Amino acid sequence: MAAARAVLRSVQGLRPVLTRSFLTVRKPDYTNPNWLRVGLTFGSTIALWTLLFKQHDHDVQVYKEHHGIK
């Protein structure tokens, strides 16, 4: 219990330091979209869905071969 009190005293003795984050929050500008970001987002989404469908087709093929279906 004494150790916990010592920790609390040391924490209470700290002064808050004012810091400023390098990331600032601002309202998005919908009149001028970031087309590079939009293209990368849609491109990566399409790539992931393509990989998902290819993997699914491969898994179905392996399942059919394993169970003698076809």
PDB file of N, CA and C in Angstrom:
ATOM      1  N   MET A   1       0.820  -1.189   0.000  1.00  0.00           N
ATOM      2  CA  MET A   1       0.000   0.000   0.000  1.00  0.00           C
ATOM      3  C   MET A   1       0.866   1.256   0.000  1.00  0.00           C
ATOM      4  N   ALA A   2       1.973   1.186   0.704  1.00  0.00           N
ATOM      5  CA  ALA A   2       2.864   2.342   0.765  1.00  0.00           C
ATOM      6  C   ALA A   2       3.473   2.618  -0.606  1.00  0.00           C
ATOM      7  N   ALA A   3       3.755   1.549  -1.367  1.00  0.00           N
ATOM      8  CA  ALA A   3       4.325   1.726  -2.703  1.00  0.00           C
ATOM      9  C   ALA A   3       3.327   2.407  -3.628  1.00  0.00           C
ATOM     10  N   ALA A   4       2.064   2.043  -3.509  1.00  0.00           N
ATOM     11  CA  ALA A   4       1.033   2.649  -4.347  1.00  0.00           C
ATOM     12  C   ALA A   4       0.904   4.134  -4.048  1.00  0.00           C
ATOM     13  N   ARG A   5       0.995   4.498  -2.783  1.00  0.00           N
ATOM     14  CA  ARG A   5       0.918   5.915  -2.412  1.00  0.00           C
ATOM     15  C   ARG A   5       2.117   6.683  -2.946  1.00  0.00           C
ATOM     16  N   ALA A   6       3.285   6.054  -2.910  1.00  0.00           N
ATOM     17  CA  ALA A   6       4.483   6.718  -3.421  1.00  0.00           C
ATOM     18  C   ALA A   6       4.359   6.968  -4.915  1.00  0.00           C
ATOM     19  N   VAL A   7       3.775   6.009  -5.633  1.00  0.00           N
ATOM     20  CA  VAL A   7       3.578   6.172  -7.074  1.00  0.00           C
ATOM     21  C   VAL A   7       2.587   7.298  -7.333  1.00  0.00           C
ATOM     22  N   LEU A   8       1.503   7.324  -6.556  1.00  0.00           N
ATOM     23  CA  LEU A   8       0.512   8.390  -6.739  1.00  0.00           C
ATOM     24  C   LEU A   8       1.112   9.758  -6.465  1.00  0.00           C
ATOM     25  N   ARG A   9       1.950   9.851  -5.445  1.00  0.00           N
ATOM     26  CA  ARG A   9       2.589  11.134  -5.145  1.00  0.00           C
ATOM     27  C   ARG A   9       3.513  11.565  -6.274  1.00  0.00           C
ATOM     28  N   SER A  10       4.242  10.609  -6.848  1.00  0.00           N
ATOM     29  CA  SER A  10       5.156  10.977  -7.924  1.00  0.00           C
ATOM     30  C   SER A  10       4.381  11.382  -9.186  1.00  0.00           C
ATOM     31  N   VAL A  11       3.245  10.735  -9.436  1.00  0.00           N
ATOM     32  CA  VAL A  11       2.434  11.083 -10.599  1.00  0.00           C
ATOM     33  C   VAL A  11       1.789  12.443 -10.395  1.00  0.00           C
ATOM     34  N   GLN A  12       1.347  12.729  -9.193  1.00  0.00           N
ATOM     35  CA  GLN A  12       0.720  14.011  -8.918  1.00  0.00           C
ATOM     36  C   GLN A  12       1.717  15.156  -9.028  1.00  0.00           C
ATOM     37  N   GLY A  13       2.975  14.858  -8.824  1.00  0.00           N
ATOM     38  CA  GLY A  13       3.994  15.887  -8.895  1.00  0.00           C
ATOM     39  C   GLY A  13       4.341  16.293 -10.313  1.00  0.00           C
ATOM     40  N   LEU A  14       3.923  15.506 -11.302  1.00  0.00           N
ATOM     41  CA  LEU A  14       4.220  15.836 -12.692  1.00  0.00           C
ATOM     42  C   LEU A  14       3.365  17.007 -13.150  1.00  0.00           C
ATOM     43  N   ARG A  15       3.953  17.859 -13.938  1.00  0.00           N
ATOM     44  CA  ARG A  15       3.212  18.981 -14.495  1.00  0.00           C
ATOM     45  C   ARG A  15       2.778  18.626 -15.912  1.00  0.00           C
ATOM     46  N   PRO A  16       1.584  19.004 -16.268  1.00  0.00           N
ATOM     47  CA  PRO A  16       1.153  18.705 -17.642  1.00  0.00           C
ATOM     48  C   PRO A  16       1.983  19.506 -18.641  1.00  0.00           C
ATOM     49  N   VAL A  17       2.383  18.839 -19.686  1.00  0.00           N
ATOM     50  CA  VAL A  17       3.173  19.474 -20.729  1.00  0.00           C
ATOM     51  C   VAL A  17       2.268  19.719 -21.921  1.00  0.00           C
ATOM     52  N   LEU A  18       2.273  20.942 -22.393  1.00  0.00           N
ATOM     53  CA  LEU A  18       1.454  21.262 -23.546  1.00  0.00           C
ATOM     54  C   LEU A  18       2.177  20.817 -24.807  1.00  0.00           C
ATOM     55  N   THR A  19       1.551  19.945 -25.540  1.00  0.00           N
ATOM     56  CA  THR A  19       2.134  19.470 -26.790  1.00  0.00           C
ATOM     57  C   THR A  19       1.123  19.676 -27.902  1.00  0.00           C
ATOM     58  N   ARG A  20       1.640  19.728 -29.094  1.00  0.00           N
ATOM     59  CA  ARG A  20       0.771  19.884 -30.249  1.00  0.00           C
ATOM     60  C   ARG A  20       1.067  18.746 -31.212  1.00  0.00           C
ATOM     61  N   SER A  21       0.047  18.072 -31.614  1.00  0.00           N
ATOM     62  CA  SER A  21       0.207  16.959 -32.529  1.00  0.00           C
ATOM     63  C   SER A  21       0.533  17.478 -33.921  1.00  0.00           C
ATOM     64  N   PHE A  22       1.341  16.722 -34.653  1.00  0.00           N
ATOM     65  CA  PHE A  22       1.638  17.121 -36.026  1.00  0.00           C
ATOM     66  C   PHE A  22       0.479  16.806 -36.954  1.00  0.00           C
ATOM     67  N   LEU A  23      -0.470  16.010 -36.487  1.00  0.00           N
ATOM     68  CA  LEU A  23      -1.670  15.729 -37.273  1.00  0.00           C
ATOM     69  C   LEU A  23      -2.773  16.680 -36.829  1.00  0.00           C
ATOM     70  N   THR A  24      -3.267  17.452 -37.728  1.00  0.00           N
ATOM     71  CA  THR A  24      -4.328  18.380 -37.383  1.00  0.00           C
ATOM     72  C   THR A  24      -5.618  17.937 -38.057  1.00  0.00           C
ATOM     73  N   VAL A  25      -6.698  18.147 -37.370  1.00  0.00           N
ATOM     74  CA  VAL A  25      -8.009  17.777 -37.895  1.00  0.00           C
ATOM     75  C   VAL A  25      -8.581  18.978 -38.626  1.00  0.00           C
ATOM     76  N   ARG A  26      -9.015  18.756 -39.842  1.00  0.00           N
ATOM     77  CA  ARG A  26      -9.641  19.821 -40.601  1.00  0.00           C
ATOM     78  C   ARG A  26     -10.820  19.246 -41.374  1.00  0.00           C
ATOM     79  N   LYS A  27     -11.697  20.121 -41.751  1.00  0.00           N
ATOM     80  CA  LYS A  27     -12.874  19.680 -42.492  1.00  0.00           C
ATOM     81  C   LYS A  27     -12.455  19.252 -43.890  1.00  0.00           C
ATOM     82  N   PRO A  28     -13.022  18.141 -44.382  1.00  0.00           N
ATOM     83  CA  PRO A  28     -12.670  17.706 -45.738  1.00  0.00           C
ATOM     84  C   PRO A  28     -13.227  18.671 -46.780  1.00  0.00           C
ATOM     85  N   ASP A  29     -12.459  18.864 -47.830  1.00  0.00           N
ATOM     86  CA  ASP A  29     -12.869  19.741 -48.926  1.00  0.00           C
ATOM     87  C   ASP A  29     -13.524  18.883 -50.006  1.00  0.00           C
ATOM     88  N   TYR A  30     -14.840  18.850 -50.002  1.00  0.00           N
ATOM     89  CA  TYR A  30     -15.562  17.998 -50.945  1.00  0.00           C
ATOM     90  C   TYR A  30     -15.572  18.583 -52.358  1.00  0.00           C
ATOM     91  N   THR A  31     -15.225  19.836 -52.516  1.00  0.00           N
ATOM     92  CA  THR A  31     -15.204  20.439 -53.845  1.00  0.00           C
ATOM     93  C   THR A  31     -13.943  20.067 -54.614  1.00  0.00           C
ATOM     94  N   ASN A  32     -12.896  19.619 -53.899  1.00  0.00           N
ATOM     95  CA  ASN A  32     -11.629  19.274 -54.544  1.00  0.00           C
ATOM     96  C   ASN A  32     -11.127  17.951 -53.966  1.00  0.00           C
ATOM     97  N   PRO A  33     -11.676  16.813 -54.413  1.00  0.00           N
ATOM     98  CA  PRO A  33     -11.269  15.528 -53.837  1.00  0.00           C
ATOM     99  C   PRO A  33      -9.829  15.171 -54.201  1.00  0.00           C
ATOM    100  N   ASN A  34      -9.222  14.373 -53.353  1.00  0.00           N
ATOM    101  CA  ASN A  34      -7.868  13.891 -53.580  1.00  0.00           C
ATOM    102  C   ASN A  34      -7.974  12.666 -54.489  1.00  0.00           C
ATOM    103  N   TRP A  35      -7.815  12.860 -55.793  1.00  0.00           N
ATOM    104  CA  TRP A  35      -8.072  11.798 -56.762  1.00  0.00           C
ATOM    105  C   TRP A  35      -7.068  10.662 -56.655  1.00  0.00           C
ATOM    106  N   LEU A  36      -5.858  10.952 -56.231  1.00  0.00           N
ATOM    107  CA  LEU A  36      -4.877   9.886 -56.031  1.00  0.00           C
ATOM    108  C   LEU A  36      -5.334   8.942 -54.924  1.00  0.00           C
ATOM    109  N   ARG A  37      -5.804   9.514 -53.845  1.00  0.00           N
ATOM    110  CA  ARG A  37      -6.292   8.702 -52.724  1.00  0.00           C
ATOM    111  C   ARG A  37      -7.538   7.904 -53.126  1.00  0.00           C
ATOM    112  N   VAL A  38      -8.426   8.538 -53.872  1.00  0.00           N
ATOM    113  CA  VAL A  38      -9.643   7.857 -54.334  1.00  0.00           C
ATOM    114  C   VAL A  38      -9.274   6.690 -55.243  1.00  0.00           C
ATOM    115  N   GLY A  39      -8.347   6.919 -56.176  1.00  0.00           N
ATOM    116  CA  GLY A  39      -7.926   5.862 -57.096  1.00  0.00           C
ATOM    117  C   GLY A  39      -7.242   4.713 -56.374  1.00  0.00           C
ATOM    118  N   LEU A  40      -6.383   5.029 -55.425  1.00  0.00           N
ATOM    119  CA  LEU A  40      -5.712   3.972 -54.663  1.00  0.00           C
ATOM    120  C   LEU A  40      -6.706   3.168 -53.829  1.00  0.00           C
ATOM    121  N   THR A  41      -7.697   3.846 -53.272  1.00  0.00           N
ATOM    122  CA  THR A  41      -8.705   3.154 -52.468  1.00  0.00           C
ATOM    123  C   THR A  41      -9.514   2.186 -53.322  1.00  0.00           C
ATOM    124  N   PHE A  42     -10.038   2.668 -54.447  1.00  0.00           N
ATOM    125  CA  PHE A  42     -10.831   1.792 -55.308  1.00  0.00           C
ATOM    126  C   PHE A  42      -9.977   0.709 -55.953  1.00  0.00           C
ATOM    127  N   GLY A  43      -8.766   1.048 -56.339  1.00  0.00           N
ATOM    128  CA  GLY A  43      -7.877   0.053 -56.938  1.00  0.00           C
ATOM    129  C   GLY A  43      -7.531  -1.069 -55.979  1.00  0.00           C
ATOM    130  N   SER A  44      -7.217  -0.710 -54.738  1.00  0.00           N
ATOM    131  CA  SER A  44      -6.884  -1.754 -53.765  1.00  0.00           C
ATOM    132  C   SER A  44      -8.111  -2.591 -53.418  1.00  0.00           C
ATOM    133  N   THR A  45      -9.283  -1.964 -53.395  1.00  0.00           N
ATOM    134  CA  THR A  45     -10.514  -2.717 -53.129  1.00  0.00           C
ATOM    135  C   THR A  45     -10.772  -3.731 -54.235  1.00  0.00           C
ATOM    136  N   ILE A  46     -10.615  -3.312 -55.472  1.00  0.00           N
ATOM    137  CA  ILE A  46     -10.821  -4.221 -56.606  1.00  0.00           C
ATOM    138  C   ILE A  46      -9.792  -5.349 -56.573  1.00  0.00           C
ATOM    139  N   ALA A  47      -8.540  -5.023 -56.255  1.00  0.00           N
ATOM    140  CA  ALA A  47      -7.501  -6.055 -56.186  1.00  0.00           C
ATOM    141  C   ALA A  47      -7.806  -7.074 -55.101  1.00  0.00           C
ATOM    142  N   LEU A  48      -8.245  -6.618 -53.947  1.00  0.00           N
ATOM    143  CA  LEU A  48      -8.555  -7.551 -52.855  1.00  0.00           C
ATOM    144  C   LEU A  48      -9.743  -8.445 -53.196  1.00  0.00           C
ATOM    145  N   TRP A  49     -10.790  -7.884 -53.805  1.00  0.00           N
ATOM    146  CA  TRP A  49     -11.936  -8.700 -54.186  1.00  0.00           C
ATOM    147  C   TRP A  49     -11.554  -9.715 -55.263  1.00  0.00           C
ATOM    148  N   THR A  50     -10.684  -9.317 -56.194  1.00  0.00           N
ATOM    149  CA  THR A  50     -10.224 -10.249 -57.229  1.00  0.00           C
ATOM    150  C   THR A  50      -9.467 -11.406 -56.603  1.00  0.00           C
ATOM    151  N   LEU A  51      -8.574 -11.098 -55.678  1.00  0.00           N
ATOM    152  CA  LEU A  51      -7.831 -12.161 -54.988  1.00  0.00           C
ATOM    153  C   LEU A  51      -8.765 -13.062 -54.191  1.00  0.00           C
ATOM    154  N   LEU A  52      -9.783 -12.480 -53.586  1.00  0.00           N
ATOM    155  CA  LEU A  52     -10.744 -13.266 -52.814  1.00  0.00           C
ATOM    156  C   LEU A  52     -11.484 -14.258 -53.704  1.00  0.00           C
ATOM    157  N   PHE A  53     -11.956 -13.796 -54.869  1.00  0.00           N
ATOM    158  CA  PHE A  53     -12.679 -14.685 -55.780  1.00  0.00           C
ATOM    159  C   PHE A  53     -11.764 -15.768 -56.349  1.00  0.00           C
ATOM    160  N   LYS A  54     -10.526 -15.424 -56.672  1.00  0.00           N
ATOM    161  CA  LYS A  54      -9.583 -16.431 -57.171  1.00  0.00           C
ATOM    162  C   LYS A  54      -9.313 -17.490 -56.109  1.00  0.00           C
ATOM    163  N   GLN A  55      -9.127 -17.045 -54.865  1.00  0.00           N
ATOM    164  CA  GLN A  55      -8.878 -17.986 -53.778  1.00  0.00           C
ATOM    165  C   GLN A  55     -10.087 -18.885 -53.558  1.00  0.00           C
ATOM    166  N   HIS A  56     -11.277 -18.311 -53.647  1.00  0.00           N
ATOM    167  CA  HIS A  56     -12.493 -19.103 -53.475  1.00  0.00           C
ATOM    168  C   HIS A  56     -12.617 -20.164 -54.570  1.00  0.00           C
ATOM    169  N   ASP A  57     -12.364 -19.771 -55.804  1.00  0.00           N
ATOM    170  CA  ASP A  57     -12.431 -20.730 -56.912  1.00  0.00           C
ATOM    171  C   ASP A  57     -11.411 -21.855 -56.723  1.00  0.00           C
ATOM    172  N   HIS A  58     -10.229 -21.496 -56.280  1.00  0.00           N
ATOM    173  CA  HIS A  58      -9.197 -22.511 -56.029  1.00  0.00           C
ATOM    174  C   HIS A  58      -9.624 -23.451 -54.901  1.00  0.00           C
ATOM    175  N   ASP A  59     -10.178 -22.888 -53.826  1.00  0.00           N
ATOM    176  CA  ASP A  59     -10.628 -23.713 -52.702  1.00  0.00           C
ATOM    177  C   ASP A  59     -11.748 -24.659 -53.119  1.00  0.00           C
ATOM    178  N   VAL A  60     -12.672 -24.186 -53.958  1.00  0.00           N
ATOM    179  CA  VAL A  60     -13.766 -25.042 -54.437  1.00  0.00           C
ATOM    180  C   VAL A  60     -13.202 -26.167 -55.297  1.00  0.00           C
ATOM    181  N   GLN A  61     -12.229 -25.854 -56.145  1.00  0.00           N
ATOM    182  CA  GLN A  61     -11.616 -26.869 -57.002  1.00  0.00           C
ATOM    183  C   GLN A  61     -10.912 -27.939 -56.162  1.00  0.00           C
ATOM    184  N   VAL A  62     -10.164 -27.530 -55.151  1.00  0.00           N
ATOM    185  CA  VAL A  62      -9.470 -28.483 -54.282  1.00  0.00           C
ATOM    186  C   VAL A  62     -10.482 -29.336 -53.520  1.00  0.00           C
ATOM    187  N   TYR A  63     -11.573 -28.733 -53.062  1.00  0.00           N
ATOM    188  CA  TYR A  63     -12.603 -29.473 -52.348  1.00  0.00           C
ATOM    189  C   TYR A  63     -13.230 -30.538 -53.242  1.00  0.00           C
ATOM    190  N   LYS A  64     -13.539 -30.156 -54.482  1.00  0.00           N
ATOM    191  CA  LYS A  64     -14.149 -31.113 -55.405  1.00  0.00           C
ATOM    192  C   LYS A  64     -13.197 -32.256 -55.727  1.00  0.00           C
ATOM    193  N   GLU A  65     -11.905 -31.952 -55.921  1.00  0.00           N
ATOM    194  CA  GLU A  65     -10.931 -33.012 -56.184  1.00  0.00           C
ATOM    195  C   GLU A  65     -10.771 -33.933 -54.986  1.00  0.00           C
ATOM    196  N   HIS A  66     -10.798 -33.368 -53.788  1.00  0.00           N
ATOM    197  CA  HIS A  66     -10.614 -34.174 -52.579  1.00  0.00           C
ATOM    198  C   HIS A  66     -11.792 -35.118 -52.357  1.00  0.00           C
ATOM    199  N   HIS A  67     -12.995 -34.658 -52.676  1.00  0.00           N
ATOM    200  CA  HIS A  67     -14.193 -35.477 -52.443  1.00  0.00           C
ATOM    201  C   HIS A  67     -14.656 -36.216 -53.692  1.00  0.00           C
ATOM    202  N   GLY A  68     -13.906 -36.138 -54.765  1.00  0.00           N
ATOM    203  CA  GLY A  68     -14.264 -36.875 -55.987  1.00  0.00           C
ATOM    204  C   GLY A  68     -15.491 -36.348 -56.686  1.00  0.00           C
ATOM    205  N   ILE A  69     -15.779 -35.099 -56.572  1.00  0.00           N
ATOM    206  CA  ILE A  69     -16.952 -34.487 -57.196  1.00  0.00           C
ATOM    207  C   ILE A  69     -16.507 -33.899 -58.543  1.00  0.00           C
ATOM    208  N   LYS A  70     -17.307 -34.131 -59.572  1.00  0.00           N
ATOM    209  CA  LYS A  70     -17.114 -33.504 -60.868  1.00  0.00           C
ATOM    210  C   LYS A  70     -17.554 -34.356 -61.993  1.00  0.00           C
TER     211      LYS A  70
END
